[in-house]
Amino acid sequence: MSCSQRPPDACKPPAPAMSCIPWLIKNSIIFGTGVYTGVYIAQNYQIDKVEDPKALFEKAQCYVKTKMEELSKKGKD
C-alpha cells in the first residue's frame, strides 16, 4: 500500500513536540531521583568535601606520570 492509497495524515511524521514529551518525562524523573538521593545522602551521612577540579587534575597527572615511568622502567629491564 503506497502513500497515495493511505489517508493523507498516515504518511506524515509525528509532530516533534509529541515525541519530546516522553523524553522530558523520563529525564525529569531521573533528575528528580538524583537530586533526592543527593539530598538524602548529604543529610544522613558525613562525607568529605571533594577537592577542586584543578587539584584533582594535578593528582591525575602525577599518577599518570608515575605509571608511565614504571612502565618504561619495566620495558628497559
N, C-alpha and C. Protein backbone atom coordinates (compact mmCIF):
# COMPACT_ATOMS: atom_id res chain seq x y z
N MET A 1 0.85 -1.17 0.00
CA MET A 1 0.00 0.00 0.00
C MET A 1 0.89 1.23 0.00
N SER A 2 0.75 2.09 -0.94
CA SER A 2 1.58 3.29 -1.03
C SER A 2 0.89 4.44 -0.31
N CYS A 3 1.63 5.54 -0.19
CA CYS A 3 1.09 6.73 0.49
C CYS A 3 -0.11 7.31 -0.26
N SER A 4 -0.18 7.07 -1.55
CA SER A 4 -1.30 7.63 -2.31
C SER A 4 -2.61 6.92 -1.96
N GLN A 5 -2.54 5.69 -1.47
CA GLN A 5 -3.73 4.94 -1.12
C GLN A 5 -4.12 5.16 0.35
N ARG A 6 -3.22 5.64 1.17
CA ARG A 6 -3.50 5.87 2.58
C ARG A 6 -4.09 7.25 2.76
N PRO A 7 -4.73 7.48 3.90
CA PRO A 7 -5.19 8.83 4.19
C PRO A 7 -4.00 9.79 4.26
N PRO A 8 -4.17 11.04 3.97
CA PRO A 8 -3.06 12.00 3.90
C PRO A 8 -2.25 12.09 5.20
N ASP A 9 -2.86 11.92 6.35
CA ASP A 9 -2.14 12.04 7.62
C ASP A 9 -1.28 10.82 7.93
N ALA A 10 -1.49 9.70 7.28
CA ALA A 10 -0.79 8.47 7.59
C ALA A 10 0.69 8.54 7.22
N CYS A 11 1.07 9.32 6.23
CA CYS A 11 2.46 9.39 5.77
C CYS A 11 3.27 10.48 6.45
N LYS A 12 2.63 11.30 7.24
CA LYS A 12 3.34 12.40 7.89
C LYS A 12 4.06 11.90 9.14
N PRO A 13 5.28 12.38 9.37
CA PRO A 13 5.96 12.00 10.61
C PRO A 13 5.26 12.64 11.81
N PRO A 14 5.43 12.07 13.01
CA PRO A 14 4.79 12.65 14.18
C PRO A 14 5.33 14.05 14.46
N ALA A 15 4.52 14.83 15.11
CA ALA A 15 4.93 16.19 15.46
C ALA A 15 6.11 16.14 16.42
N PRO A 16 7.11 17.01 16.26
CA PRO A 16 8.28 16.97 17.12
C PRO A 16 7.95 17.19 18.59
N ALA A 17 6.97 18.01 18.89
CA ALA A 17 6.63 18.28 20.28
C ALA A 17 6.10 17.02 20.96
N MET A 18 5.37 16.20 20.26
CA MET A 18 4.81 14.99 20.84
C MET A 18 5.89 13.96 21.14
N SER A 19 6.93 13.89 20.32
CA SER A 19 8.00 12.93 20.57
C SER A 19 8.93 13.42 21.67
N CYS A 20 8.85 14.67 22.02
CA CYS A 20 9.71 15.25 23.04
C CYS A 20 9.15 15.00 24.45
N ILE A 21 7.86 14.80 24.57
CA ILE A 21 7.23 14.68 25.88
C ILE A 21 7.72 13.45 26.65
N PRO A 22 7.79 12.24 26.07
CA PRO A 22 8.30 11.09 26.84
C PRO A 22 9.74 11.29 27.29
N TRP A 23 10.56 11.88 26.42
CA TRP A 23 11.95 12.16 26.77
C TRP A 23 12.01 13.11 27.96
N LEU A 24 11.19 14.14 27.95
CA LEU A 24 11.16 15.12 29.02
C LEU A 24 10.71 14.49 30.34
N ILE A 25 9.71 13.65 30.28
CA ILE A 25 9.22 12.99 31.49
C ILE A 25 10.29 12.06 32.06
N LYS A 26 10.91 11.25 31.19
CA LYS A 26 11.94 10.32 31.64
C LYS A 26 13.11 11.05 32.28
N ASN A 27 13.60 12.10 31.62
CA ASN A 27 14.74 12.83 32.15
C ASN A 27 14.38 13.60 33.42
N SER A 28 13.15 14.06 33.54
CA SER A 28 12.73 14.73 34.77
C SER A 28 12.71 13.77 35.94
N ILE A 29 12.25 12.55 35.70
CA ILE A 29 12.24 11.54 36.75
C ILE A 29 13.66 11.19 37.17
N ILE A 30 14.55 11.01 36.21
CA ILE A 30 15.95 10.69 36.52
C ILE A 30 16.60 11.83 37.29
N PHE A 31 16.40 13.06 36.85
CA PHE A 31 16.97 14.22 37.53
C PHE A 31 16.42 14.33 38.95
N GLY A 32 15.12 14.18 39.11
CA GLY A 32 14.50 14.27 40.43
C GLY A 32 15.02 13.19 41.38
N THR A 33 15.19 11.98 40.85
CA THR A 33 15.74 10.89 41.67
C THR A 33 17.17 11.21 42.10
N GLY A 34 17.96 11.76 41.20
CA GLY A 34 19.33 12.13 41.55
C GLY A 34 19.40 13.22 42.60
N VAL A 35 18.55 14.22 42.46
CA VAL A 35 18.51 15.30 43.45
C VAL A 35 18.09 14.76 44.80
N TYR A 36 17.03 13.94 44.82
CA TYR A 36 16.55 13.37 46.08
C TYR A 36 17.63 12.53 46.74
N THR A 37 18.32 11.70 45.96
CA THR A 37 19.38 10.85 46.50
C THR A 37 20.51 11.70 47.06
N GLY A 38 20.91 12.75 46.35
CA GLY A 38 21.97 13.62 46.83
C GLY A 38 21.60 14.32 48.13
N VAL A 39 20.38 14.80 48.22
CA VAL A 39 19.93 15.47 49.44
C VAL A 39 19.88 14.48 50.60
N TYR A 40 19.38 13.28 50.34
CA TYR A 40 19.29 12.25 51.38
C TYR A 40 20.67 11.90 51.91
N ILE A 41 21.62 11.68 51.01
CA ILE A 41 22.98 11.32 51.42
C ILE A 41 23.62 12.47 52.18
N ALA A 42 23.43 13.70 51.71
CA ALA A 42 24.03 14.86 52.38
C ALA A 42 23.48 15.04 53.79
N GLN A 43 22.23 14.72 54.01
CA GLN A 43 21.62 14.89 55.32
C GLN A 43 21.95 13.76 56.28
N ASN A 44 22.13 12.55 55.77
CA ASN A 44 22.23 11.39 56.64
C ASN A 44 23.63 10.79 56.76
N TYR A 45 24.57 11.21 55.97
CA TYR A 45 25.91 10.66 56.01
C TYR A 45 26.92 11.79 56.04
N GLN A 46 28.04 11.54 56.74
CA GLN A 46 29.09 12.54 56.79
C GLN A 46 30.11 12.21 55.70
N ILE A 47 30.16 13.04 54.69
CA ILE A 47 31.01 12.79 53.54
C ILE A 47 32.04 13.91 53.43
N ASP A 48 33.28 13.52 53.13
CA ASP A 48 34.34 14.53 52.96
C ASP A 48 34.05 15.39 51.74
N LYS A 49 34.55 16.61 51.80
CA LYS A 49 34.39 17.52 50.66
C LYS A 49 35.26 17.05 49.50
N VAL A 50 34.78 17.26 48.30
CA VAL A 50 35.53 16.92 47.10
C VAL A 50 36.47 18.08 46.80
N GLU A 51 37.69 17.73 46.40
CA GLU A 51 38.66 18.77 46.08
C GLU A 51 38.24 19.52 44.81
N ASP A 52 38.83 20.70 44.63
CA ASP A 52 38.51 21.47 43.43
C ASP A 52 39.09 20.76 42.20
N PRO A 53 38.53 21.01 41.03
CA PRO A 53 38.94 20.29 39.81
C PRO A 53 40.43 20.45 39.48
N LYS A 54 41.00 21.61 39.78
CA LYS A 54 42.42 21.82 39.46
C LYS A 54 43.30 20.86 40.26
N ALA A 55 43.01 20.69 41.55
CA ALA A 55 43.79 19.78 42.38
C ALA A 55 43.61 18.34 41.92
N LEU A 56 42.40 17.96 41.57
CA LEU A 56 42.16 16.61 41.08
C LEU A 56 42.89 16.34 39.77
N PHE A 57 42.92 17.35 38.90
CA PHE A 57 43.64 17.21 37.62
C PHE A 57 45.13 17.03 37.86
N GLU A 58 45.69 17.79 38.80
CA GLU A 58 47.12 17.67 39.11
C GLU A 58 47.45 16.29 39.68
N LYS A 59 46.58 15.78 40.55
CA LYS A 59 46.79 14.43 41.10
C LYS A 59 46.74 13.39 40.00
N ALA A 60 45.80 13.54 39.07
CA ALA A 60 45.68 12.59 37.97
C ALA A 60 46.92 12.64 37.08
N GLN A 61 47.42 13.83 36.81
CA GLN A 61 48.64 13.96 36.00
C GLN A 61 49.82 13.29 36.69
N CYS A 62 49.95 13.50 37.99
CA CYS A 62 51.04 12.89 38.74
C CYS A 62 50.94 11.37 38.70
N TYR A 63 49.73 10.85 38.86
CA TYR A 63 49.50 9.40 38.82
C TYR A 63 49.88 8.83 37.46
N VAL A 64 49.47 9.48 36.40
CA VAL A 64 49.77 9.00 35.05
C VAL A 64 51.27 9.05 34.79
N LYS A 65 51.95 10.11 35.23
CA LYS A 65 53.40 10.21 35.03
C LYS A 65 54.13 9.09 35.75
N THR A 66 53.74 8.81 37.00
CA THR A 66 54.41 7.74 37.74
C THR A 66 54.16 6.38 37.09
N LYS A 67 52.96 6.14 36.61
CA LYS A 67 52.68 4.87 35.94
C LYS A 67 53.47 4.74 34.64
N MET A 68 53.58 5.84 33.90
CA MET A 68 54.36 5.82 32.65
C MET A 68 55.83 5.54 32.95
N GLU A 69 56.36 6.14 34.01
CA GLU A 69 57.76 5.88 34.39
C GLU A 69 57.96 4.43 34.80
N GLU A 70 57.01 3.87 35.55
CA GLU A 70 57.11 2.47 35.95
C GLU A 70 57.10 1.55 34.73
N LEU A 71 56.23 1.84 33.77
CA LEU A 71 56.18 1.02 32.56
C LEU A 71 57.44 1.14 31.73
N SER A 72 58.00 2.33 31.66
CA SER A 72 59.23 2.49 30.87
C SER A 72 60.41 1.79 31.56
N LYS A 73 60.43 1.78 32.88
CA LYS A 73 61.50 1.06 33.60
C LYS A 73 61.36 -0.44 33.41
N LYS A 74 60.13 -0.96 33.41
CA LYS A 74 59.91 -2.39 33.19
C LYS A 74 60.32 -2.77 31.77
N GLY A 75 60.11 -1.91 30.82
CA GLY A 75 60.47 -2.19 29.42
C GLY A 75 61.97 -2.24 29.22
N LYS A 76 62.73 -1.49 30.00
CA LYS A 76 64.19 -1.47 29.88
C LYS A 76 64.82 -2.68 30.53
N ASP A 77 64.17 -3.26 31.51
CA ASP A 77 64.75 -4.43 32.22
C ASP A 77 64.62 -5.70 31.45
